[in-house]
Amino acid sequence: MLGNMEEKFKKPMKEEETLIRILSTDIPGNMSIYSGLTRIKGVSWSFSNAICAIVKIDKNKKIFELSEEEIKKISDFIKNPKVPEFIVNRRKDFDTGESEHVSGVDLDLSREFDIKRMRKIKSYKGIRHILGQPVRGQRTKSHFRKNRAVGVMGKAKKGKKG
């Protein structure tokens, strides 16, 4: 009897509900390729568009409709893209001087090393990172107040002060 009840309430998995794994990122199967590829760290909308155009896959096709061969083509293209330099996310690398596209964990590592280098040479941006201040010129009067009481003190606090 219990076996019959479990079968009754067990929801069958549809193909659209499956997760497809591309470059160690799970992407829901019901998403289109164009928007699904942006779930991968380091793949922007413009890069996703370039992938669809160069690999010649329809942007509106669903992720679950991809064959193993197409998934392999996409992952190989992301690892070694042949696109114009303005689409690549790491232009003129500090160490190598070459332009490359970085994705996944490598993107986190390269960003972390860049910040460490800026801190070490004590550039303006490095000092802002050290202080925990905004790096790109944002205002600090009304924003970036972390862990501070902002506003008017309440009546209960005023009485205890004196």
C-alpha atoms as a PDB file:
ATOM      1  CA  MET A   1       0.000   0.000   0.000  1.00  0.00           C
ATOM      2  CA  LEU A   2       2.793   2.439   0.875  1.00  0.00           C
ATOM      3  CA  GLY A   3       4.560   1.709  -2.389  1.00  0.00           C
ATOM      4  CA  ASN A   4       1.415   2.672  -4.277  1.00  0.00           C
ATOM      5  CA  MET A   5       1.126   5.953  -2.302  1.00  0.00           C
ATOM      6  CA  GLU A   6       4.743   6.864  -3.036  1.00  0.00           C
ATOM      7  CA  GLU A   7       4.197   6.314  -6.744  1.00  0.00           C
ATOM      8  CA  LYS A   8       1.068   8.455  -6.609  1.00  0.00           C
ATOM      9  CA  PHE A   9       2.813  11.455  -5.040  1.00  0.00           C
ATOM     10  CA  LYS A  10       6.135  10.999  -6.800  1.00  0.00           C
ATOM     11  CA  LYS A  11       6.377  13.670  -9.477  1.00  0.00           C
ATOM     12  CA  PRO A  12       7.857  12.443 -12.751  1.00  0.00           C
ATOM     13  CA  MET A  13      10.915  14.384 -13.924  1.00  0.00           C
ATOM     14  CA  LYS A  14      10.331  16.139 -17.208  1.00  0.00           C
ATOM     15  CA  GLU A  15      13.156  16.884 -19.595  1.00  0.00           C
ATOM     16  CA  GLU A  16      12.672  20.626 -19.025  1.00  0.00           C
ATOM     17  CA  GLU A  17      13.281  20.255 -15.272  1.00  0.00           C
ATOM     18  CA  THR A  18      16.662  18.569 -15.610  1.00  0.00           C
ATOM     19  CA  LEU A  19      19.894  20.365 -14.856  1.00  0.00           C
ATOM     20  CA  ILE A  20      22.537  20.463 -17.562  1.00  0.00           C
ATOM     21  CA  ARG A  21      26.152  20.816 -16.413  1.00  0.00           C
ATOM     22  CA  ILE A  22      28.421  23.021 -18.514  1.00  0.00           C
ATOM     23  CA  LEU A  23      31.881  23.917 -17.130  1.00  0.00           C
ATOM     24  CA  SER A  24      30.982  22.845 -13.559  1.00  0.00           C
ATOM     25  CA  THR A  25      27.842  25.021 -13.515  1.00  0.00           C
ATOM     26  CA  ASP A  26      24.330  23.591 -13.294  1.00  0.00           C
ATOM     27  CA  ILE A  27      21.921  25.294 -15.685  1.00  0.00           C
ATOM     28  CA  PRO A  28      18.143  24.635 -15.571  1.00  0.00           C
ATOM     29  CA  GLY A  29      16.988  22.815 -18.700  1.00  0.00           C
ATOM     30  CA  ASN A  30      14.009  25.084 -19.341  1.00  0.00           C
ATOM     31  CA  MET A  31      16.171  28.175 -19.963  1.00  0.00           C
ATOM     32  CA  SER A  32      17.132  29.307 -23.441  1.00  0.00           C
ATOM     33  CA  ILE A  33      20.761  28.891 -24.411  1.00  0.00           C
ATOM     34  CA  TYR A  34      21.277  32.655 -24.663  1.00  0.00           C
ATOM     35  CA  SER A  35      20.214  33.331 -21.075  1.00  0.00           C
ATOM     36  CA  GLY A  36      21.363  29.991 -19.632  1.00  0.00           C
ATOM     37  CA  LEU A  37      24.997  30.486 -20.604  1.00  0.00           C
ATOM     38  CA  THR A  38      25.119  33.707 -18.567  1.00  0.00           C
ATOM     39  CA  ARG A  39      24.798  31.542 -15.434  1.00  0.00           C
ATOM     40  CA  ILE A  40      28.406  30.465 -16.002  1.00  0.00           C
ATOM     41  CA  LYS A  41      30.817  32.755 -14.159  1.00  0.00           C
ATOM     42  CA  GLY A  42      32.697  34.863 -16.690  1.00  0.00           C
ATOM     43  CA  VAL A  43      30.105  34.599 -19.484  1.00  0.00           C
ATOM     44  CA  SER A  44      28.301  37.876 -20.144  1.00  0.00           C
ATOM     45  CA  TRP A  45      25.299  38.510 -22.376  1.00  0.00           C
ATOM     46  CA  SER A  46      27.497  39.690 -25.247  1.00  0.00           C
ATOM     47  CA  PHE A  47      29.816  36.693 -24.883  1.00  0.00           C
ATOM     48  CA  SER A  48      26.794  34.374 -24.782  1.00  0.00           C
ATOM     49  CA  ASN A  49      25.541  35.963 -27.989  1.00  0.00           C
ATOM     50  CA  ALA A  50      28.969  35.466 -29.581  1.00  0.00           C
ATOM     51  CA  ILE A  51      28.976  31.786 -28.544  1.00  0.00           C
ATOM     52  CA  CYS A  52      25.576  31.205 -30.149  1.00  0.00           C
ATOM     53  CA  ALA A  53      26.601  32.994 -33.346  1.00  0.00           C
ATOM     54  CA  ILE A  54      30.019  31.387 -33.828  1.00  0.00           C
ATOM     55  CA  VAL A  55      29.064  27.841 -32.762  1.00  0.00           C
ATOM     56  CA  LYS A  56      25.899  28.253 -34.917  1.00  0.00           C
ATOM     57  CA  ILE A  57      23.294  27.263 -32.335  1.00  0.00           C
ATOM     58  CA  ASP A  58      19.879  28.920 -32.173  1.00  0.00           C
ATOM     59  CA  LYS A  59      19.721  31.343 -29.200  1.00  0.00           C
ATOM     60  CA  ASN A  60      16.095  30.469 -28.433  1.00  0.00           C
ATOM     61  CA  LYS A  61      16.743  26.723 -28.246  1.00  0.00           C
ATOM     62  CA  LYS A  62      16.276  25.283 -24.754  1.00  0.00           C
ATOM     63  CA  ILE A  63      19.253  23.942 -22.799  1.00  0.00           C
ATOM     64  CA  PHE A  64      17.708  20.451 -22.404  1.00  0.00           C
ATOM     65  CA  GLU A  65      17.519  20.146 -26.214  1.00  0.00           C
ATOM     66  CA  LEU A  66      21.327  20.330 -26.558  1.00  0.00           C
ATOM     67  CA  SER A  67      23.146  17.179 -27.579  1.00  0.00           C
ATOM     68  CA  GLU A  68      26.380  16.038 -25.937  1.00  0.00           C
ATOM     69  CA  GLU A  69      28.286  17.151 -29.022  1.00  0.00           C
ATOM     70  CA  GLU A  70      26.851  20.696 -28.829  1.00  0.00           C
ATOM     71  CA  ILE A  71      27.618  20.941 -25.106  1.00  0.00           C
ATOM     72  CA  LYS A  72      31.208  19.904 -25.819  1.00  0.00           C
ATOM     73  CA  LYS A  73      31.465  22.531 -28.584  1.00  0.00           C
ATOM     74  CA  ILE A  74      30.185  25.240 -26.226  1.00  0.00           C
ATOM     75  CA  SER A  75      32.540  24.292 -23.384  1.00  0.00           C
ATOM     76  CA  ASP A  76      35.533  24.106 -25.740  1.00  0.00           C
ATOM     77  CA  PHE A  77      34.654  27.516 -27.166  1.00  0.00           C
ATOM     78  CA  ILE A  78      34.385  29.080 -23.693  1.00  0.00           C
ATOM     79  CA  LYS A  79      37.791  27.657 -22.736  1.00  0.00           C
ATOM     80  CA  ASN A  80      39.476  28.883 -25.924  1.00  0.00           C
ATOM     81  CA  PRO A  81      37.342  31.572 -27.623  1.00  0.00           C
ATOM     82  CA  LYS A  82      38.105  33.017 -31.022  1.00  0.00           C
ATOM     83  CA  VAL A  83      36.302  36.352 -30.670  1.00  0.00           C
ATOM     84  CA  PRO A  84      37.269  40.011 -31.115  1.00  0.00           C
ATOM     85  CA  GLU A  85      39.335  41.477 -28.298  1.00  0.00           C
ATOM     86  CA  PHE A  86      36.586  43.789 -27.032  1.00  0.00           C
ATOM     87  CA  ILE A  87      34.406  40.817 -25.999  1.00  0.00           C
ATOM     88  CA  VAL A  88      37.157  39.117 -23.972  1.00  0.00           C
ATOM     89  CA  ASN A  89      37.005  39.797 -20.220  1.00  0.00           C
ATOM     90  CA  ARG A  90      40.769  39.997 -19.516  1.00  0.00           C
ATOM     91  CA  ARG A  91      42.492  42.333 -21.976  1.00  0.00           C
ATOM     92  CA  LYS A  92      46.248  42.920 -21.813  1.00  0.00           C
ATOM     93  CA  ASP A  93      46.927  40.807 -18.735  1.00  0.00           C
ATOM     94  CA  PHE A  94      49.461  42.346 -16.349  1.00  0.00           C
ATOM     95  CA  ASP A  95      51.715  39.277 -16.222  1.00  0.00           C
ATOM     96  CA  THR A  96      51.580  38.000 -19.801  1.00  0.00           C
ATOM     97  CA  GLY A  97      50.488  41.093 -21.722  1.00  0.00           C
ATOM     98  CA  GLU A  98      48.069  38.992 -23.792  1.00  0.00           C
ATOM     99  CA  SER A  99      44.295  39.134 -24.005  1.00  0.00           C
ATOM    100  CA  GLU A 100      42.421  36.058 -22.836  1.00  0.00           C
ATOM    101  CA  HIS A 101      38.980  35.051 -21.618  1.00  0.00           C
ATOM    102  CA  VAL A 102      38.827  33.699 -18.070  1.00  0.00           C
ATOM    103  CA  SER A 103      35.825  31.863 -16.610  1.00  0.00           C
ATOM    104  CA  GLY A 104      34.881  29.952 -13.482  1.00  0.00           C
ATOM    105  CA  VAL A 105      37.335  29.631 -10.609  1.00  0.00           C
ATOM    106  CA  ASP A 106      40.146  31.125 -12.698  1.00  0.00           C
ATOM    107  CA  LEU A 107      38.195  34.403 -12.848  1.00  0.00           C
ATOM    108  CA  ASP A 108      37.989  34.563  -9.040  1.00  0.00           C
ATOM    109  CA  LEU A 109      41.702  33.789  -8.682  1.00  0.00           C
ATOM    110  CA  SER A 110      42.829  36.375 -11.234  1.00  0.00           C
ATOM    111  CA  ARG A 111      40.656  39.053  -9.632  1.00  0.00           C
ATOM    112  CA  GLU A 112      42.012  38.189  -6.181  1.00  0.00           C
ATOM    113  CA  PHE A 113      45.611  38.361  -7.432  1.00  0.00           C
ATOM    114  CA  ASP A 114      44.935  41.740  -9.071  1.00  0.00           C
ATOM    115  CA  ILE A 115      43.602  43.147  -5.788  1.00  0.00           C
ATOM    116  CA  LYS A 116      46.588  41.720  -3.864  1.00  0.00           C
ATOM    117  CA  ARG A 117      48.981  43.332  -6.364  1.00  0.00           C
ATOM    118  CA  MET A 118      47.235  46.711  -5.995  1.00  0.00           C
ATOM    119  CA  ARG A 119      47.450  46.446  -2.200  1.00  0.00           C
ATOM    120  CA  LYS A 120      51.102  45.483  -2.337  1.00  0.00           C
ATOM    121  CA  ILE A 121      52.175  48.406  -4.550  1.00  0.00           C
ATOM    122  CA  LYS A 122      49.871  50.717  -2.549  1.00  0.00           C
ATOM    123  CA  SER A 123      48.140  52.242  -5.518  1.00  0.00           C
ATOM    124  CA  TYR A 124      45.111  54.449  -4.912  1.00  0.00           C
ATOM    125  CA  LYS A 125      42.758  51.577  -5.661  1.00  0.00           C
ATOM    126  CA  GLY A 126      44.801  49.270  -3.420  1.00  0.00           C
ATOM    127  CA  ILE A 127      44.558  51.680  -0.503  1.00  0.00           C
ATOM    128  CA  ARG A 128      40.777  51.975  -1.037  1.00  0.00           C
ATOM    129  CA  HIS A 129      40.561  48.168  -0.951  1.00  0.00           C
ATOM    130  CA  ILE A 130      42.585  48.079   2.288  1.00  0.00           C
ATOM    131  CA  LEU A 131      40.334  50.655   3.943  1.00  0.00           C
ATOM    132  CA  GLY A 132      37.147  48.985   2.743  1.00  0.00           C
ATOM    133  CA  GLN A 133      36.101  52.142   0.908  1.00  0.00           C
ATOM    134  CA  PRO A 134      34.528  52.347  -2.551  1.00  0.00           C
ATOM    135  CA  VAL A 135      37.165  51.983  -5.245  1.00  0.00           C
ATOM    136  CA  ARG A 136      35.537  53.477  -8.319  1.00  0.00           C
ATOM    137  CA  GLY A 137      34.725  57.016  -7.223  1.00  0.00           C
ATOM    138  CA  GLN A 138      31.347  56.543  -5.554  1.00  0.00           C
ATOM    139  CA  ARG A 139      30.179  58.991  -2.895  1.00  0.00           C
ATOM    140  CA  THR A 140      30.775  58.080   0.740  1.00  0.00           C
ATOM    141  CA  LYS A 141      28.656  60.640   2.593  1.00  0.00           C
ATOM    142  CA  SER A 142      25.412  58.719   2.399  1.00  0.00           C
ATOM    143  CA  HIS A 143      26.551  55.223   1.389  1.00  0.00           C
ATOM    144  CA  PHE A 144      29.129  52.653   2.515  1.00  0.00           C
ATOM    145  CA  ARG A 145      28.317  53.102   6.184  1.00  0.00           C
ATOM    146  CA  LYS A 146      28.883  49.571   7.373  1.00  0.00           C
ATOM    147  CA  ASN A 147      28.184  48.493  10.958  1.00  0.00           C
ATOM    148  CA  ARG A 148      27.426  51.981  12.214  1.00  0.00           C
ATOM    149  CA  ALA A 149      24.293  53.346  13.814  1.00  0.00           C
ATOM    150  CA  VAL A 150      22.758  55.866  11.450  1.00  0.00           C
ATOM    151  CA  GLY A 151      19.907  58.189  12.361  1.00  0.00           C
ATOM    152  CA  VAL A 152      18.456  59.836  15.436  1.00  0.00           C
ATOM    153  CA  MET A 153      18.953  58.222  18.840  1.00  0.00           C
ATOM    154  CA  GLY A 154      15.776  56.946  20.491  1.00  0.00           C
ATOM    155  CA  LYS A 155      14.379  58.139  23.862  1.00  0.00           C
ATOM    156  CA  ALA A 156      15.570  55.045  25.737  1.00  0.00           C
ATOM    157  CA  LYS A 157      19.171  55.593  24.664  1.00  0.00           C
ATOM    158  CA  LYS A 158      19.077  59.326  25.505  1.00  0.00           C
ATOM    159  CA  GLY A 159      18.085  58.659  29.120  1.00  0.00           C
ATOM    160  CA  LYS A 160      20.869  56.128  29.729  1.00  0.00           C
ATOM    161  CA  LYS A 161      23.572  58.414  28.376  1.00  0.00           C
ATOM    162  CA  GLY A 162      23.699  60.807  31.312  1.00  0.00           C
END
